[in-house]
Amino acid sequence: MHFPKMVEITEVGPRDGLQNEAQFVPTEQKKKLIEQLVKTGVRRIETASFVHPRAVPQMADAQEIVAFSKSLGLDFLVLTPNMKALEMALAVGVQQIAVFVGASETFNERNIRRSIADSLQECEEMFRIAKEQGLFVRGYVSMCFSCPYEGAISYEQVARVVSHFVQHGVDEISIGDTNGQATPKIVYERFTRLREDYPNTKFIAHFHDTNGFAYANTIAALQAGITAFDSSVGGLGGCPFSPGATGNISTNKLVELMHKMGIATGIDEEKLLATSKYAHKIIM
């Protein structure tokens, strides 16, 4: 087996980890969580999402969180699911954005109330504007392995979205096991084929741990040549539009796994453990 010397970890806890929490986490506590994450050595954090507060109440303070992230000099991403969100992000000087489209038609319609075709069309204009403004663009592809509404997702369904993202100049693409049902076999096969078909594209693995397979899937992704991962401090998270989906893969466990295999992350495990305890405290 072949393992890299180092992996890149993007911490998604402040956005993807907290978005599903029913009780609003006070803004000052979110700021403290972000500040503690920075002190662990995490180099990049997804901190907020520009969505309507009625859809995701937890993200109602996005502008204030962005201002705080900028004050730290932080390398951070924000989620901008539509044109209005992009306009809001540009207005406050965001430098990195993320957009998402589901590989599952049903999930995409339930999540953002649009067909995949309509979502991709809007993405074209968003990517054009973002690039004109010099922004870094991440594309999320959700439900890349299976879907709670449609069952198994084919490679062709995933490639439809990936191809569009690549054609319109995204800087990286995060491949999501949104409902946490993937297995190492399909993870290895899917990432291997994606890297063969899009050799110049940077892919990130984004696993949820619903079935307890996320860490096995991480090894499979490593074997397929993936060296960048999304994770959430303390395993916080879940998708509000994916019934039964539980938390993201835990940054703590991911870092521990990498370190035990001699793979560097640049993250301090002890500081991360303390931050994880704080993250769970603020959602109780």
Protein backbone atom coordinates (compact mmCIF):
# COMPACT_ATOMS: atom_id res chain seq x y z
CA MET A 1 0.00 0.00 0.00
CA HIS A 2 1.14 3.52 -0.73
CA PHE A 3 0.59 6.45 1.61
CA PRO A 4 1.51 10.11 1.14
CA LYS A 5 3.86 11.96 3.47
CA MET A 6 1.28 14.66 4.19
CA VAL A 7 -2.43 15.35 3.75
CA GLU A 8 -4.38 18.59 3.59
CA ILE A 9 -7.36 18.94 5.92
CA THR A 10 -10.07 21.56 5.53
CA GLU A 11 -12.02 22.05 8.75
CA VAL A 12 -15.75 22.40 8.02
CA GLY A 13 -17.09 22.34 11.59
CA PRO A 14 -18.12 26.00 11.92
CA ARG A 15 -20.32 25.70 8.82
CA ASP A 16 -21.16 22.10 7.94
CA GLY A 17 -20.77 20.96 11.53
CA LEU A 18 -23.06 23.53 13.11
CA GLN A 19 -25.65 24.08 10.36
CA ASN A 20 -27.84 21.20 11.50
CA GLU A 21 -28.04 22.27 15.15
CA ALA A 22 -31.60 23.25 16.11
CA GLN A 23 -30.58 25.68 18.85
CA PHE A 24 -28.71 28.76 17.65
CA VAL A 25 -25.09 28.83 18.76
CA PRO A 26 -24.24 32.37 19.92
CA THR A 27 -21.96 34.24 17.54
CA GLU A 28 -19.29 34.86 20.17
CA GLN A 29 -19.07 31.12 20.82
CA LYS A 30 -18.66 30.47 17.10
CA LYS A 31 -15.86 33.01 17.01
CA LYS A 32 -14.14 31.33 19.93
CA LEU A 33 -14.45 27.95 18.20
CA ILE A 34 -12.85 29.34 15.04
CA GLU A 35 -10.07 30.99 17.05
CA GLN A 36 -9.33 27.75 18.89
CA LEU A 37 -9.27 25.82 15.62
CA VAL A 38 -6.69 28.22 14.23
CA LYS A 39 -4.49 27.59 17.28
CA THR A 40 -4.53 23.83 16.60
CA GLY A 41 -2.68 24.41 13.35
CA VAL A 42 -5.67 23.99 11.03
CA ARG A 43 -4.75 26.00 7.96
CA ARG A 44 -8.13 26.37 6.27
CA ILE A 45 -11.65 26.57 7.65
CA GLU A 46 -15.11 26.75 6.12
CA THR A 47 -16.62 29.27 8.48
CA ALA A 48 -20.05 30.33 7.21
CA SER A 49 -22.81 30.08 4.63
CA PHE A 50 -24.78 32.88 3.00
CA VAL A 51 -28.24 31.34 3.06
CA HIS A 52 -31.62 32.70 4.10
CA PRO A 53 -32.01 32.48 7.89
CA ARG A 54 -35.36 30.74 7.45
CA ALA A 55 -33.64 27.92 5.57
CA VAL A 56 -30.64 27.54 7.89
CA PRO A 57 -31.11 29.69 11.03
CA GLN A 58 -27.67 28.73 12.33
CA MET A 59 -26.00 30.77 9.57
CA ALA A 60 -27.88 34.03 10.25
CA ASP A 61 -24.67 35.66 11.53
CA ALA A 62 -22.58 34.90 8.42
CA GLN A 63 -21.52 38.49 7.82
CA GLU A 64 -20.19 38.91 11.35
CA ILE A 65 -18.39 35.56 11.19
CA VAL A 66 -16.78 36.56 7.90
CA ALA A 67 -15.59 39.85 9.36
CA PHE A 68 -14.08 37.97 12.31
CA SER A 69 -12.41 35.43 10.01
CA LYS A 70 -10.85 38.26 8.02
CA SER A 71 -9.59 39.91 11.20
CA LEU A 72 -7.68 36.73 12.02
CA GLY A 73 -6.03 36.68 8.61
CA LEU A 74 -7.61 33.27 8.20
CA ASP A 75 -7.62 31.17 5.02
CA PHE A 76 -11.37 30.54 4.96
CA LEU A 77 -14.21 29.43 2.70
CA VAL A 78 -17.87 30.42 2.72
CA LEU A 79 -20.73 28.58 1.08
CA THR A 80 -22.62 30.59 -1.57
CA PRO A 81 -25.42 28.36 -2.92
CA ASN A 82 -26.91 30.91 -5.33
CA MET A 83 -26.33 34.25 -7.05
CA LYS A 84 -27.77 36.32 -4.20
CA ALA A 85 -25.44 34.57 -1.77
CA LEU A 86 -22.47 35.31 -4.03
CA GLU A 87 -23.42 38.99 -4.15
CA MET A 88 -23.54 39.08 -0.34
CA ALA A 89 -20.15 37.38 -0.11
CA LEU A 90 -18.59 39.81 -2.57
CA ALA A 91 -20.03 42.76 -0.63
CA VAL A 92 -18.07 41.76 2.49
CA GLY A 93 -14.84 40.90 0.70
CA VAL A 94 -14.84 37.11 0.77
CA GLN A 95 -11.93 35.63 -1.21
CA GLN A 96 -12.94 31.95 -1.36
CA ILE A 97 -16.39 30.60 -2.13
CA ALA A 98 -17.98 27.19 -2.42
CA VAL A 99 -21.04 26.17 -4.43
CA PHE A 100 -22.80 22.82 -4.40
CA VAL A 101 -24.86 20.74 -6.79
CA GLY A 102 -26.22 17.27 -6.09
CA ALA A 103 -25.45 14.29 -8.30
CA SER A 104 -28.96 13.11 -7.36
CA GLU A 105 -31.82 14.94 -9.07
CA THR A 106 -34.22 14.32 -6.19
CA PHE A 107 -31.78 15.47 -3.54
CA ASN A 108 -30.93 18.60 -5.50
CA GLU A 109 -34.60 19.51 -5.85
CA ARG A 110 -35.29 18.93 -2.16
CA ASN A 111 -32.14 20.71 -1.04
CA ILE A 112 -32.19 23.84 -3.19
CA ARG A 113 -35.53 23.43 -4.97
CA ARG A 114 -33.99 23.31 -8.42
CA SER A 115 -33.21 20.73 -11.05
CA ILE A 116 -29.56 19.86 -11.62
CA ALA A 117 -29.76 21.52 -15.04
CA ASP A 118 -31.02 24.77 -13.53
CA SER A 119 -28.38 24.66 -10.81
CA LEU A 120 -25.58 24.13 -13.32
CA GLN A 121 -26.86 26.98 -15.44
CA GLU A 122 -26.78 29.37 -12.50
CA CYS A 123 -23.32 28.11 -11.59
CA GLU A 124 -21.98 29.23 -14.98
CA GLU A 125 -22.79 32.85 -14.24
CA MET A 126 -21.61 32.58 -10.63
CA PHE A 127 -18.27 31.11 -11.71
CA ARG A 128 -17.84 33.82 -14.33
CA ILE A 129 -18.42 36.62 -11.82
CA ALA A 130 -16.29 34.95 -9.14
CA LYS A 131 -13.37 34.53 -11.51
CA GLU A 132 -13.66 38.12 -12.74
CA GLN A 133 -13.34 39.18 -9.09
CA GLY A 134 -10.33 36.93 -8.55
CA LEU A 135 -12.05 34.54 -6.14
CA PHE A 136 -10.97 30.99 -5.40
CA VAL A 137 -13.85 28.63 -6.23
CA ARG A 138 -14.63 25.24 -4.71
CA GLY A 139 -17.33 23.02 -6.17
CA TYR A 140 -19.12 20.57 -3.91
CA VAL A 141 -20.79 17.57 -5.51
CA SER A 142 -23.28 16.08 -3.05
CA MET A 143 -24.60 12.49 -2.93
CA CYS A 144 -21.76 11.06 -5.01
CA PHE A 145 -22.20 7.43 -3.98
CA SER A 146 -25.79 6.85 -2.92
CA CYS A 147 -28.92 8.85 -2.16
CA PRO A 148 -31.70 8.31 0.41
CA TYR A 149 -34.26 9.07 -2.31
CA GLU A 150 -32.74 7.44 -5.43
CA GLY A 151 -30.49 4.71 -4.09
CA ALA A 152 -27.19 4.02 -5.84
CA ILE A 153 -25.68 6.94 -7.74
CA SER A 154 -23.85 6.11 -10.96
CA TYR A 155 -20.46 7.43 -11.98
CA GLU A 156 -22.13 9.16 -14.92
CA GLN A 157 -24.37 11.16 -12.57
CA VAL A 158 -21.33 12.38 -10.66
CA ALA A 159 -19.33 13.09 -13.81
CA ARG A 160 -22.16 15.23 -15.20
CA VAL A 161 -21.64 17.76 -12.41
CA VAL A 162 -17.86 17.36 -12.21
CA SER A 163 -17.50 17.98 -15.96
CA HIS A 164 -19.48 21.18 -15.71
CA PHE A 165 -17.38 22.39 -12.79
CA VAL A 166 -14.14 21.58 -14.62
CA GLN A 167 -15.28 23.26 -17.84
CA HIS A 168 -16.05 26.46 -15.95
CA GLY A 169 -12.77 26.70 -14.10
CA VAL A 170 -13.38 25.68 -10.50
CA ASP A 171 -10.17 25.43 -8.50
CA GLU A 172 -11.06 22.24 -6.60
CA ILE A 173 -13.91 19.78 -6.31
CA SER A 174 -15.12 18.14 -3.08
CA ILE A 175 -16.75 14.75 -3.64
CA GLY A 176 -19.32 14.11 -0.92
CA ASP A 177 -20.64 10.95 0.66
CA THR A 178 -23.44 13.10 1.99
CA ASN A 179 -25.54 10.37 3.58
CA GLY A 180 -22.59 8.29 4.76
CA GLN A 181 -23.41 5.09 2.93
CA ALA A 182 -20.30 4.66 0.76
CA THR A 183 -18.00 1.65 1.10
CA PRO A 184 -14.23 1.44 0.48
CA LYS A 185 -14.74 -0.43 -2.80
CA ILE A 186 -16.87 2.24 -4.46
CA VAL A 187 -14.77 5.04 -2.95
CA TYR A 188 -11.59 3.60 -4.44
CA GLU A 189 -13.21 2.92 -7.81
CA ARG A 190 -14.92 6.32 -8.04
CA PHE A 191 -11.91 8.42 -7.08
CA THR A 192 -9.61 6.37 -9.29
CA ARG A 193 -11.83 6.97 -12.30
CA LEU A 194 -12.32 10.65 -11.50
CA ARG A 195 -8.57 11.17 -11.34
CA GLU A 196 -8.12 9.30 -14.62
CA ASP A 197 -10.83 11.28 -16.40
CA TYR A 198 -9.87 14.68 -14.89
CA PRO A 199 -6.12 14.41 -14.28
CA ASN A 200 -5.59 18.14 -13.78
CA THR A 201 -8.36 18.56 -11.20
CA LYS A 202 -7.82 18.66 -7.45
CA PHE A 203 -10.34 16.40 -5.69
CA ILE A 204 -11.22 16.44 -1.99
CA ALA A 205 -12.89 13.58 -0.13
CA HIS A 206 -15.85 14.62 2.05
CA PHE A 207 -17.12 11.72 4.16
CA HIS A 208 -19.94 11.39 6.67
CA ASP A 209 -19.78 8.55 9.20
CA THR A 210 -23.38 7.33 9.27
CA ASN A 211 -22.42 3.66 8.88
CA GLY A 212 -19.06 3.87 10.61
CA PHE A 213 -17.23 3.38 7.30
CA ALA A 214 -15.73 6.86 6.98
CA TYR A 215 -12.25 5.93 8.18
CA ALA A 216 -12.07 2.84 5.98
CA ASN A 217 -13.25 5.06 3.14
CA THR A 218 -10.45 7.49 3.95
CA ILE A 219 -7.87 4.73 3.47
CA ALA A 220 -9.52 3.78 0.17
CA ALA A 221 -9.38 7.41 -0.97
CA LEU A 222 -5.69 7.61 -0.03
CA GLN A 223 -5.01 4.52 -2.12
CA ALA A 224 -6.80 6.17 -5.04
CA GLY A 225 -4.40 9.11 -4.77
CA ILE A 226 -6.51 11.58 -2.77
CA THR A 227 -4.52 13.69 -0.33
CA ALA A 228 -7.09 16.34 0.65
CA PHE A 229 -9.98 15.80 3.04
CA ASP A 230 -12.84 17.70 4.66
CA SER A 231 -13.60 16.98 8.31
CA SER A 232 -15.43 18.46 11.27
CA VAL A 233 -14.09 18.97 14.77
CA GLY A 234 -15.55 16.36 17.10
CA GLY A 235 -17.51 14.80 14.23
CA LEU A 236 -20.16 17.50 14.35
CA GLY A 237 -22.59 17.80 11.49
CA GLY A 238 -25.18 16.21 9.32
CA CYS A 239 -27.26 17.26 6.35
CA PRO A 240 -30.73 18.67 7.11
CA PHE A 241 -31.93 17.48 3.70
CA SER A 242 -30.59 13.91 3.96
CA PRO A 243 -32.71 11.79 6.32
CA GLY A 244 -30.61 9.73 8.71
CA ALA A 245 -27.27 11.27 7.80
CA THR A 246 -25.09 11.80 10.86
CA GLY A 247 -21.93 13.79 11.46
CA ASN A 248 -18.98 14.48 9.25
CA ILE A 249 -15.83 12.48 9.72
CA SER A 250 -14.17 13.70 12.91
CA THR A 251 -11.12 15.91 12.48
CA ASN A 252 -9.79 14.49 15.74
CA LYS A 253 -9.98 10.88 14.59
CA LEU A 254 -8.79 11.72 11.08
CA VAL A 255 -5.71 13.50 12.42
CA GLU A 256 -5.01 10.67 14.88
CA LEU A 257 -5.31 8.10 12.09
CA MET A 258 -2.97 10.02 9.81
CA HIS A 259 -0.38 10.55 12.53
CA LYS A 260 -0.39 6.89 13.56
CA MET A 261 0.38 6.03 9.94
CA GLY A 262 3.22 8.55 9.79
CA ILE A 263 1.31 11.01 7.63
CA ALA A 264 1.74 14.67 8.61
CA THR A 265 -1.21 17.05 8.98
CA GLY A 266 0.32 20.10 10.67
CA ILE A 267 -2.36 19.88 13.39
CA ASP A 268 -1.74 19.54 17.14
CA GLU A 269 -3.77 16.60 18.51
CA GLU A 270 -3.91 17.82 22.13
CA LYS A 271 -5.13 21.28 21.18
CA LEU A 272 -7.62 19.72 18.79
CA LEU A 273 -9.00 17.53 21.58
CA ALA A 274 -9.58 20.57 23.78
CA THR A 275 -11.28 22.35 20.88
CA SER A 276 -13.48 19.32 20.27
CA LYS A 277 -14.62 19.40 23.89
CA TYR A 278 -15.48 23.08 23.52
CA ALA A 279 -17.38 22.42 20.28
CA HIS A 280 -19.56 19.81 21.96
CA LYS A 281 -20.08 22.06 24.98
CA ILE A 282 -21.55 24.90 22.90
CA ILE A 283 -24.13 22.68 21.20
CA MET A 284 -25.43 21.02 24.37
